[in-house]
Amino acid sequence: GDVAAAPVSGGAITAGTWIETGPTGRAALRLDDGTSLRLDVSTRARLESAAILDLSQGAIYVDSGLPHSRSQLEIRSAFGVARDIGTQFELRLTAHALRLRVREGRVDLDHAGSVHVAEAGEELRLLDGRPLERGTVPLRGEAWDWTQAIAPAFAIEGRPLRAFLDWYARESRYLIDTSKVPAGASGEAALIHGTIEGLTPEEALRAVLPTCGLSHRLAGETLIVEPLDDSPRRRAQADPS
């Protein structure tokens, strides 16, 4: 029968069905508990149930919602089992290696009778016949670009701007500073309208903020949202000197 998962465009996935993406295609699924599953190019996986996924090649990104949620998704591969402890992570499998990158929360990797714990910003690598290697991975930037290309769109119509910014923050892992925005302009009462279907989170941000009279700029790990007239570019245009 069907498992509790469906492509973000609708429909349902039958338990035991292999999901395959080609060299130029990706796929996005959503479980009934809200967990987002994204498959990179050249990936082959099978969703055995809402809690178990078999990965035979390629890469999958999991976003189970808030840290320490109860999703407890298991991803099984020839190298062992990765258990989601409420998190965002990527698992990438080749014929001879497995790489786990954790963006938020924690993942337990059960390999050859030992459990290896990876937390946010950590990377674990398993290669045939070699000891486990541990390294670091940035929480944002191009390491995660492919996951943004197929991020499920946020339904913005009639939603508060604050909710949109929270969605963007989760996808991008940037902190959001709205201290320069007038009171009420970014809160629950500030509703936005339209659609961002087909846009990446970054493209959506660039499309939505100007309609609210706002701009944005990056300062380290923080995205600063401010009124359009206060942006450096606007000030430079208004005062060429």
C-alpha atoms as a PDB file:
ATOM      1  CA  GLY A   1       0.000   0.000   0.000  1.00  0.00           C
ATOM      2  CA  ASP A   2       0.933   3.656   0.082  1.00  0.00           C
ATOM      3  CA  VAL A   3       3.340   4.921   2.678  1.00  0.00           C
ATOM      4  CA  ALA A   4       3.006   8.290   4.337  1.00  0.00           C
ATOM      5  CA  ALA A   5       4.954  10.148   1.667  1.00  0.00           C
ATOM      6  CA  ALA A   6       4.160  12.079  -1.468  1.00  0.00           C
ATOM      7  CA  PRO A   7       6.000  14.138  -4.070  1.00  0.00           C
ATOM      8  CA  VAL A   8       5.650  17.823  -3.243  1.00  0.00           C
ATOM      9  CA  SER A   9       3.644  18.162  -6.469  1.00  0.00           C
ATOM     10  CA  GLY A  10       1.042  15.681  -5.227  1.00  0.00           C
ATOM     11  CA  GLY A  11       0.307  11.963  -5.417  1.00  0.00           C
ATOM     12  CA  ALA A  12       1.618   9.188  -3.188  1.00  0.00           C
ATOM     13  CA  ILE A  13       4.501   6.737  -3.036  1.00  0.00           C
ATOM     14  CA  THR A  14       3.807   3.001  -2.808  1.00  0.00           C
ATOM     15  CA  ALA A  15       5.792   1.143  -0.153  1.00  0.00           C
ATOM     16  CA  GLY A  16       8.791  -0.651  -1.645  1.00  0.00           C
ATOM     17  CA  THR A  17       8.888   1.416  -4.822  1.00  0.00           C
ATOM     18  CA  TRP A  18      12.335   2.479  -6.011  1.00  0.00           C
ATOM     19  CA  ILE A  19      12.698   6.206  -6.639  1.00  0.00           C
ATOM     20  CA  GLU A  20      15.368   7.079  -9.184  1.00  0.00           C
ATOM     21  CA  THR A  21      16.703  10.398 -10.454  1.00  0.00           C
ATOM     22  CA  GLY A  22      18.765  10.801 -13.607  1.00  0.00           C
ATOM     23  CA  PRO A  23      22.012  12.716 -14.138  1.00  0.00           C
ATOM     24  CA  THR A  24      20.099  15.993 -14.533  1.00  0.00           C
ATOM     25  CA  GLY A  25      17.046  15.375 -12.351  1.00  0.00           C
ATOM     26  CA  ARG A  26      16.233  15.723  -8.654  1.00  0.00           C
ATOM     27  CA  ALA A  27      13.169  14.828  -6.574  1.00  0.00           C
ATOM     28  CA  ALA A  28      11.477  16.163  -3.448  1.00  0.00           C
ATOM     29  CA  LEU A  29       9.118  14.205  -1.172  1.00  0.00           C
ATOM     30  CA  ARG A  30       7.259  15.086   1.988  1.00  0.00           C
ATOM     31  CA  LEU A  31       6.307  12.609   4.719  1.00  0.00           C
ATOM     32  CA  ASP A  32       3.017  12.925   6.579  1.00  0.00           C
ATOM     33  CA  ASP A  33       4.878  14.133   9.684  1.00  0.00           C
ATOM     34  CA  GLY A  34       6.235  17.065   7.631  1.00  0.00           C
ATOM     35  CA  THR A  35       9.723  15.668   7.067  1.00  0.00           C
ATOM     36  CA  SER A  36      11.249  16.908   3.797  1.00  0.00           C
ATOM     37  CA  LEU A  37      13.215  14.375   1.730  1.00  0.00           C
ATOM     38  CA  ARG A  38      15.247  15.612  -1.250  1.00  0.00           C
ATOM     39  CA  LEU A  39      17.078  13.365  -3.700  1.00  0.00           C
ATOM     40  CA  ASP A  40      20.075  14.685  -5.629  1.00  0.00           C
ATOM     41  CA  VAL A  41      20.939  13.755  -9.221  1.00  0.00           C
ATOM     42  CA  SER A  42      21.779  10.107  -9.992  1.00  0.00           C
ATOM     43  CA  THR A  43      20.173   8.831  -6.792  1.00  0.00           C
ATOM     44  CA  ARG A  44      18.360   5.547  -6.197  1.00  0.00           C
ATOM     45  CA  ALA A  45      16.372   5.012  -3.004  1.00  0.00           C
ATOM     46  CA  ARG A  46      13.414   3.010  -1.744  1.00  0.00           C
ATOM     47  CA  LEU A  47      10.997   4.167   0.950  1.00  0.00           C
ATOM     48  CA  GLU A  48      10.130   1.002   2.857  1.00  0.00           C
ATOM     49  CA  SER A  49       7.863   2.861   5.278  1.00  0.00           C
ATOM     50  CA  ALA A  50       7.432   6.355   6.695  1.00  0.00           C
ATOM     51  CA  ALA A  51      10.384   5.584   8.997  1.00  0.00           C
ATOM     52  CA  ILE A  52      12.775   3.510   6.841  1.00  0.00           C
ATOM     53  CA  LEU A  53      14.533   4.419   3.610  1.00  0.00           C
ATOM     54  CA  ASP A  54      17.037   2.315   1.675  1.00  0.00           C
ATOM     55  CA  LEU A  55      19.713   4.265  -0.210  1.00  0.00           C
ATOM     56  CA  SER A  56      21.592   2.328  -2.907  1.00  0.00           C
ATOM     57  CA  GLN A  57      23.366   5.231  -4.605  1.00  0.00           C
ATOM     58  CA  GLY A  58      23.474   9.022  -4.752  1.00  0.00           C
ATOM     59  CA  ALA A  59      22.546  11.530  -2.060  1.00  0.00           C
ATOM     60  CA  ILE A  60      19.533  12.358   0.070  1.00  0.00           C
ATOM     61  CA  TYR A  61      18.886  15.428   2.216  1.00  0.00           C
ATOM     62  CA  VAL A  62      16.569  15.176   5.207  1.00  0.00           C
ATOM     63  CA  ASP A  63      14.918  18.033   7.071  1.00  0.00           C
ATOM     64  CA  SER A  64      12.764  16.602   9.828  1.00  0.00           C
ATOM     65  CA  GLY A  65      11.620  19.961  11.156  1.00  0.00           C
ATOM     66  CA  LEU A  66      12.610  21.195  14.564  1.00  0.00           C
ATOM     67  CA  PRO A  67      15.707  19.825  16.301  1.00  0.00           C
ATOM     68  CA  HIS A  68      15.044  16.717  18.407  1.00  0.00           C
ATOM     69  CA  SER A  69      11.741  16.017  16.662  1.00  0.00           C
ATOM     70  CA  ARG A  70      10.227  12.544  16.826  1.00  0.00           C
ATOM     71  CA  SER A  71      10.653  11.639  13.160  1.00  0.00           C
ATOM     72  CA  GLN A  72      13.377   8.997  13.862  1.00  0.00           C
ATOM     73  CA  LEU A  73      13.908   8.278  10.170  1.00  0.00           C
ATOM     74  CA  GLU A  74      16.364   5.486   9.387  1.00  0.00           C
ATOM     75  CA  ILE A  75      18.392   5.524   6.178  1.00  0.00           C
ATOM     76  CA  ARG A  76      19.938   2.151   5.412  1.00  0.00           C
ATOM     77  CA  SER A  77      22.879   1.557   3.093  1.00  0.00           C
ATOM     78  CA  ALA A  78      25.654  -0.961   2.490  1.00  0.00           C
ATOM     79  CA  PHE A  79      27.777   1.005   4.975  1.00  0.00           C
ATOM     80  CA  GLY A  80      25.295   0.932   7.842  1.00  0.00           C
ATOM     81  CA  VAL A  81      22.304   2.803   9.190  1.00  0.00           C
ATOM     82  CA  ALA A  82      21.961   6.563   9.782  1.00  0.00           C
ATOM     83  CA  ARG A  83      19.344   7.527  12.361  1.00  0.00           C
ATOM     84  CA  ASP A  84      17.855  11.016  12.346  1.00  0.00           C
ATOM     85  CA  ILE A  85      17.681  12.586  15.808  1.00  0.00           C
ATOM     86  CA  GLY A  86      15.673  15.642  14.723  1.00  0.00           C
ATOM     87  CA  THR A  87      17.883  17.419  12.254  1.00  0.00           C
ATOM     88  CA  GLN A  88      18.949  18.508   8.796  1.00  0.00           C
ATOM     89  CA  PHE A  89      21.552  16.313   7.131  1.00  0.00           C
ATOM     90  CA  GLU A  90      22.854  14.899   3.865  1.00  0.00           C
ATOM     91  CA  LEU A  91      23.858  11.280   3.264  1.00  0.00           C
ATOM     92  CA  ARG A  92      25.862  10.617   0.067  1.00  0.00           C
ATOM     93  CA  LEU A  93      26.701   7.108  -1.116  1.00  0.00           C
ATOM     94  CA  THR A  94      29.064   5.893  -3.840  1.00  0.00           C
ATOM     95  CA  ALA A  95      30.240   2.380  -4.667  1.00  0.00           C
ATOM     96  CA  HIS A  96      33.151   2.669  -2.248  1.00  0.00           C
ATOM     97  CA  ALA A  97      32.301   5.378   0.282  1.00  0.00           C
ATOM     98  CA  LEU A  98      29.628   6.951   2.461  1.00  0.00           C
ATOM     99  CA  ARG A  99      29.645  10.593   3.561  1.00  0.00           C
ATOM    100  CA  LEU A 100      27.385  12.055   6.237  1.00  0.00           C
ATOM    101  CA  ARG A 101      27.096  15.828   6.676  1.00  0.00           C
ATOM    102  CA  VAL A 102      25.007  17.255   9.523  1.00  0.00           C
ATOM    103  CA  ARG A 103      23.577  20.756   9.258  1.00  0.00           C
ATOM    104  CA  GLU A 104      21.458  20.817  12.404  1.00  0.00           C
ATOM    105  CA  GLY A 105      20.809  18.529  15.364  1.00  0.00           C
ATOM    106  CA  ARG A 106      22.382  15.066  15.447  1.00  0.00           C
ATOM    107  CA  VAL A 107      22.630  11.874  13.407  1.00  0.00           C
ATOM    108  CA  ASP A 108      23.735   8.493  14.766  1.00  0.00           C
ATOM    109  CA  LEU A 109      25.605   6.359  12.222  1.00  0.00           C
ATOM    110  CA  ASP A 110      25.594   2.649  13.045  1.00  0.00           C
ATOM    111  CA  HIS A 111      28.500   0.983  11.213  1.00  0.00           C
ATOM    112  CA  ALA A 112      30.057  -2.442  11.826  1.00  0.00           C
ATOM    113  CA  GLY A 113      28.635  -2.700  15.319  1.00  0.00           C
ATOM    114  CA  SER A 114      29.705   0.773  16.448  1.00  0.00           C
ATOM    115  CA  VAL A 115      27.596   3.938  16.679  1.00  0.00           C
ATOM    116  CA  HIS A 116      29.260   7.168  15.584  1.00  0.00           C
ATOM    117  CA  VAL A 117      27.578  10.442  16.524  1.00  0.00           C
ATOM    118  CA  ALA A 118      27.722  13.479  14.217  1.00  0.00           C
ATOM    119  CA  GLU A 119      26.386  16.884  15.246  1.00  0.00           C
ATOM    120  CA  ALA A 120      25.817  20.159  13.402  1.00  0.00           C
ATOM    121  CA  GLY A 121      28.861  21.188  11.393  1.00  0.00           C
ATOM    122  CA  GLU A 122      30.386  17.708  11.423  1.00  0.00           C
ATOM    123  CA  GLU A 123      31.128  15.317   8.557  1.00  0.00           C
ATOM    124  CA  LEU A 124      31.768  11.570   8.776  1.00  0.00           C
ATOM    125  CA  ARG A 125      33.386   9.613   5.940  1.00  0.00           C
ATOM    126  CA  LEU A 126      33.503   5.845   5.561  1.00  0.00           C
ATOM    127  CA  LEU A 127      35.686   4.327   2.834  1.00  0.00           C
ATOM    128  CA  ASP A 128      36.106   0.645   2.061  1.00  0.00           C
ATOM    129  CA  GLY A 129      38.731  -0.902   4.318  1.00  0.00           C
ATOM    130  CA  ARG A 130      39.672   2.335   6.089  1.00  0.00           C
ATOM    131  CA  PRO A 131      38.884   3.724   9.566  1.00  0.00           C
ATOM    132  CA  LEU A 132      36.121   6.295   9.888  1.00  0.00           C
ATOM    133  CA  GLU A 133      37.235   9.848   9.156  1.00  0.00           C
ATOM    134  CA  ARG A 134      35.734  12.893  10.876  1.00  0.00           C
ATOM    135  CA  GLY A 135      35.806  16.472   9.591  1.00  0.00           C
ATOM    136  CA  THR A 136      33.843  19.703   9.496  1.00  0.00           C
ATOM    137  CA  VAL A 137      31.331  21.167   7.039  1.00  0.00           C
ATOM    138  CA  PRO A 138      29.911  24.715   6.853  1.00  0.00           C
ATOM    139  CA  LEU A 139      26.241  25.098   7.783  1.00  0.00           C
ATOM    140  CA  ARG A 140      25.522  27.327   4.810  1.00  0.00           C
ATOM    141  CA  GLY A 141      26.839  28.035   1.341  1.00  0.00           C
ATOM    142  CA  GLU A 142      27.493  25.981  -1.758  1.00  0.00           C
ATOM    143  CA  ALA A 143      27.798  22.666   0.080  1.00  0.00           C
ATOM    144  CA  TRP A 144      23.994  22.818   0.347  1.00  0.00           C
ATOM    145  CA  ASP A 145      23.118  24.538  -2.949  1.00  0.00           C
ATOM    146  CA  TRP A 146      21.567  21.448  -4.512  1.00  0.00           C
ATOM    147  CA  THR A 147      19.100  21.137  -1.616  1.00  0.00           C
ATOM    148  CA  GLN A 148      17.953  24.713  -2.221  1.00  0.00           C
ATOM    149  CA  ALA A 149      17.292  24.056  -5.902  1.00  0.00           C
ATOM    150  CA  ILE A 150      14.423  21.699  -4.964  1.00  0.00           C
ATOM    151  CA  ALA A 151      13.342  23.140  -1.617  1.00  0.00           C
ATOM    152  CA  PRO A 152       9.539  22.826  -1.275  1.00  0.00           C
ATOM    153  CA  ALA A 153       7.997  26.235  -1.894  1.00  0.00           C
ATOM    154  CA  PHE A 154       6.610  28.173   1.052  1.00  0.00           C
ATOM    155  CA  ALA A 155       2.910  29.013   0.535  1.00  0.00           C
ATOM    156  CA  ILE A 156       3.109  32.755   1.109  1.00  0.00           C
ATOM    157  CA  GLU A 157      -0.431  33.833   0.225  1.00  0.00           C
ATOM    158  CA  GLY A 158      -1.975  35.452   3.307  1.00  0.00           C
ATOM    159  CA  ARG A 159       0.921  34.368   5.528  1.00  0.00           C
ATOM    160  CA  PRO A 160       2.859  36.648   7.893  1.00  0.00           C
ATOM    161  CA  LEU A 161       6.180  37.960   6.654  1.00  0.00           C
ATOM    162  CA  ARG A 162       7.732  36.631   9.882  1.00  0.00           C
ATOM    163  CA  ALA A 163       6.725  33.078   8.921  1.00  0.00           C
ATOM    164  CA  PHE A 164       8.345  33.511   5.499  1.00  0.00           C
ATOM    165  CA  LEU A 165      11.550  34.785   7.093  1.00  0.00           C
ATOM    166  CA  ASP A 166      11.562  31.840   9.506  1.00  0.00           C
ATOM    167  CA  TRP A 167      11.268  29.467   6.503  1.00  0.00           C
ATOM    168  CA  TYR A 168      14.121  31.231   4.738  1.00  0.00           C
ATOM    169  CA  ALA A 169      16.258  31.072   7.880  1.00  0.00           C
ATOM    170  CA  ARG A 170      15.740  27.316   8.159  1.00  0.00           C
ATOM    171  CA  GLU A 171      16.608  26.710   4.510  1.00  0.00           C
ATOM    172  CA  SER A 172      19.629  29.028   4.472  1.00  0.00           C
ATOM    173  CA  ARG A 173      20.812  28.654   8.104  1.00  0.00           C
ATOM    174  CA  TYR A 174      21.333  32.424   8.320  1.00  0.00           C
ATOM    175  CA  LEU A 175      20.247  34.302  11.426  1.00  0.00           C
ATOM    176  CA  ILE A 176      17.619  36.950  10.701  1.00  0.00           C
ATOM    177  CA  ASP A 177      17.859  40.470  12.130  1.00  0.00           C
ATOM    178  CA  THR A 178      14.697  42.565  11.715  1.00  0.00           C
ATOM    179  CA  SER A 179      15.578  45.143  14.357  1.00  0.00           C
ATOM    180  CA  LYS A 180      15.706  47.887  11.686  1.00  0.00           C
ATOM    181  CA  VAL A 181      12.205  47.074  10.433  1.00  0.00           C
ATOM    182  CA  PRO A 182       9.397  49.277  11.837  1.00  0.00           C
ATOM    183  CA  ALA A 183       7.228  47.610  14.475  1.00  0.00           C
ATOM    184  CA  GLY A 184       4.436  45.610  12.862  1.00  0.00           C
ATOM    185  CA  ALA A 185       6.065  45.458   9.445  1.00  0.00           C
ATOM    186  CA  SER A 186       7.453  41.953   9.930  1.00  0.00           C
ATOM    187  CA  GLY A 187       5.204  40.500  12.615  1.00  0.00           C
ATOM    188  CA  GLU A 188       2.101  38.335  12.523  1.00  0.00           C
ATOM    189  CA  ALA A 189      -0.028  41.202  11.210  1.00  0.00           C
ATOM    190  CA  ALA A 190       2.202  41.848   8.176  1.00  0.00           C
ATOM    191  CA  LEU A 191       0.636  39.554   5.559  1.00  0.00           C
ATOM    192  CA  ILE A 192       2.152  38.846   2.167  1.00  0.00           C
ATOM    193  CA  HIS A 193       0.493  37.767  -1.061  1.00  0.00           C
ATOM    194  CA  GLY A 194       1.316  35.929  -4.267  1.00  0.00           C
ATOM    195  CA  THR A 195       3.331  32.795  -5.009  1.00  0.00           C
ATOM    196  CA  ILE A 196       6.997  31.816  -5.030  1.00  0.00           C
ATOM    197  CA  GLU A 197       6.487  28.456  -6.759  1.00  0.00           C
ATOM    198  CA  GLY A 198       9.581  27.436  -8.680  1.00  0.00           C
ATOM    199  CA  LEU A 199      11.908  29.886  -6.888  1.00  0.00           C
ATOM    200  CA  THR A 200      14.829  28.906  -4.686  1.00  0.00           C
ATOM    201  CA  PRO A 201      14.747  30.358  -1.146  1.00  0.00           C
ATOM    202  CA  GLU A 202      17.281  33.017  -2.193  1.00  0.00           C
ATOM    203  CA  GLU A 203      15.234  33.963  -5.279  1.00  0.00           C
ATOM    204  CA  ALA A 204      12.088  34.043  -3.145  1.00  0.00           C
ATOM    205  CA  LEU A 205      13.723  36.393  -0.651  1.00  0.00           C
ATOM    206  CA  ARG A 206      14.713  38.777  -3.449  1.00  0.00           C
ATOM    207  CA  ALA A 207      11.174  38.678  -4.856  1.00  0.00           C
ATOM    208  CA  VAL A 208       9.202  39.047  -1.616  1.00  0.00           C
ATOM    209  CA  LEU A 209      11.069  41.663   0.427  1.00  0.00           C
ATOM    210  CA  PRO A 210      10.781  44.567  -2.082  1.00  0.00           C
ATOM    211  CA  THR A 211       6.994  44.053  -2.222  1.00  0.00           C
ATOM    212  CA  CYS A 212       7.031  44.718   1.535  1.00  0.00           C
ATOM    213  CA  GLY A 213       9.191  47.830   1.133  1.00  0.00           C
ATOM    214  CA  LEU A 214      12.217  45.982   2.483  1.00  0.00           C
ATOM    215  CA  SER A 215      15.734  45.053   1.398  1.00  0.00           C
ATOM    216  CA  HIS A 216      18.369  42.745   2.842  1.00  0.00           C
ATOM    217  CA  ARG A 217      22.117  42.423   3.233  1.00  0.00           C
ATOM    218  CA  LEU A 218      24.491  39.903   4.768  1.00  0.00           C
ATOM    219  CA  ALA A 219      26.735  40.619   7.733  1.00  0.00           C
ATOM    220  CA  GLY A 220      28.675  37.458   8.514  1.00  0.00           C
ATOM    221  CA  GLU A 221      26.168  34.772   9.514  1.00  0.00           C
ATOM    222  CA  THR A 222      23.310  37.263   9.863  1.00  0.00           C
ATOM    223  CA  LEU A 223      20.884  38.464   7.204  1.00  0.00           C
ATOM    224  CA  ILE A 224      19.806  42.011   8.036  1.00  0.00           C
ATOM    225  CA  VAL A 225      16.357  43.056   6.841  1.00  0.00           C
ATOM    226  CA  GLU A 226      15.774  46.807   6.634  1.00  0.00           C
ATOM    227  CA  PRO A 227      13.529  49.360   4.924  1.00  0.00           C
ATOM    228  CA  LEU A 228      14.411  49.892   1.257  1.00  0.00           C
ATOM    229  CA  ASP A 229      15.333  53.544   1.822  1.00  0.00           C
ATOM    230  CA  ASP A 230      17.879  52.493   4.457  1.00  0.00           C
ATOM    231  CA  SER A 231      19.834  50.113   2.232  1.00  0.00           C
ATOM    232  CA  PRO A 232      23.422  51.218   1.415  1.00  0.00           C
ATOM    233  CA  ARG A 233      22.709  51.131  -2.318  1.00  0.00           C
ATOM    234  CA  ARG A 234      19.677  53.410  -1.960  1.00  0.00           C
ATOM    235  CA  ARG A 235      21.638  55.811   0.245  1.00  0.00           C
ATOM    236  CA  ALA A 236      24.457  55.942  -2.300  1.00  0.00           C
ATOM    237  CA  GLN A 237      21.988  56.742  -5.094  1.00  0.00           C
ATOM    238  CA  ALA A 238      20.368  59.461  -3.021  1.00  0.00           C
ATOM    239  CA  ASP A 239      23.710  61.025  -2.050  1.00  0.00           C
ATOM    240  CA  PRO A 240      26.348  60.510  -4.776  1.00  0.00           C
ATOM    241  CA  SER A 241      28.907  62.418  -2.690  1.00  0.00           C
END
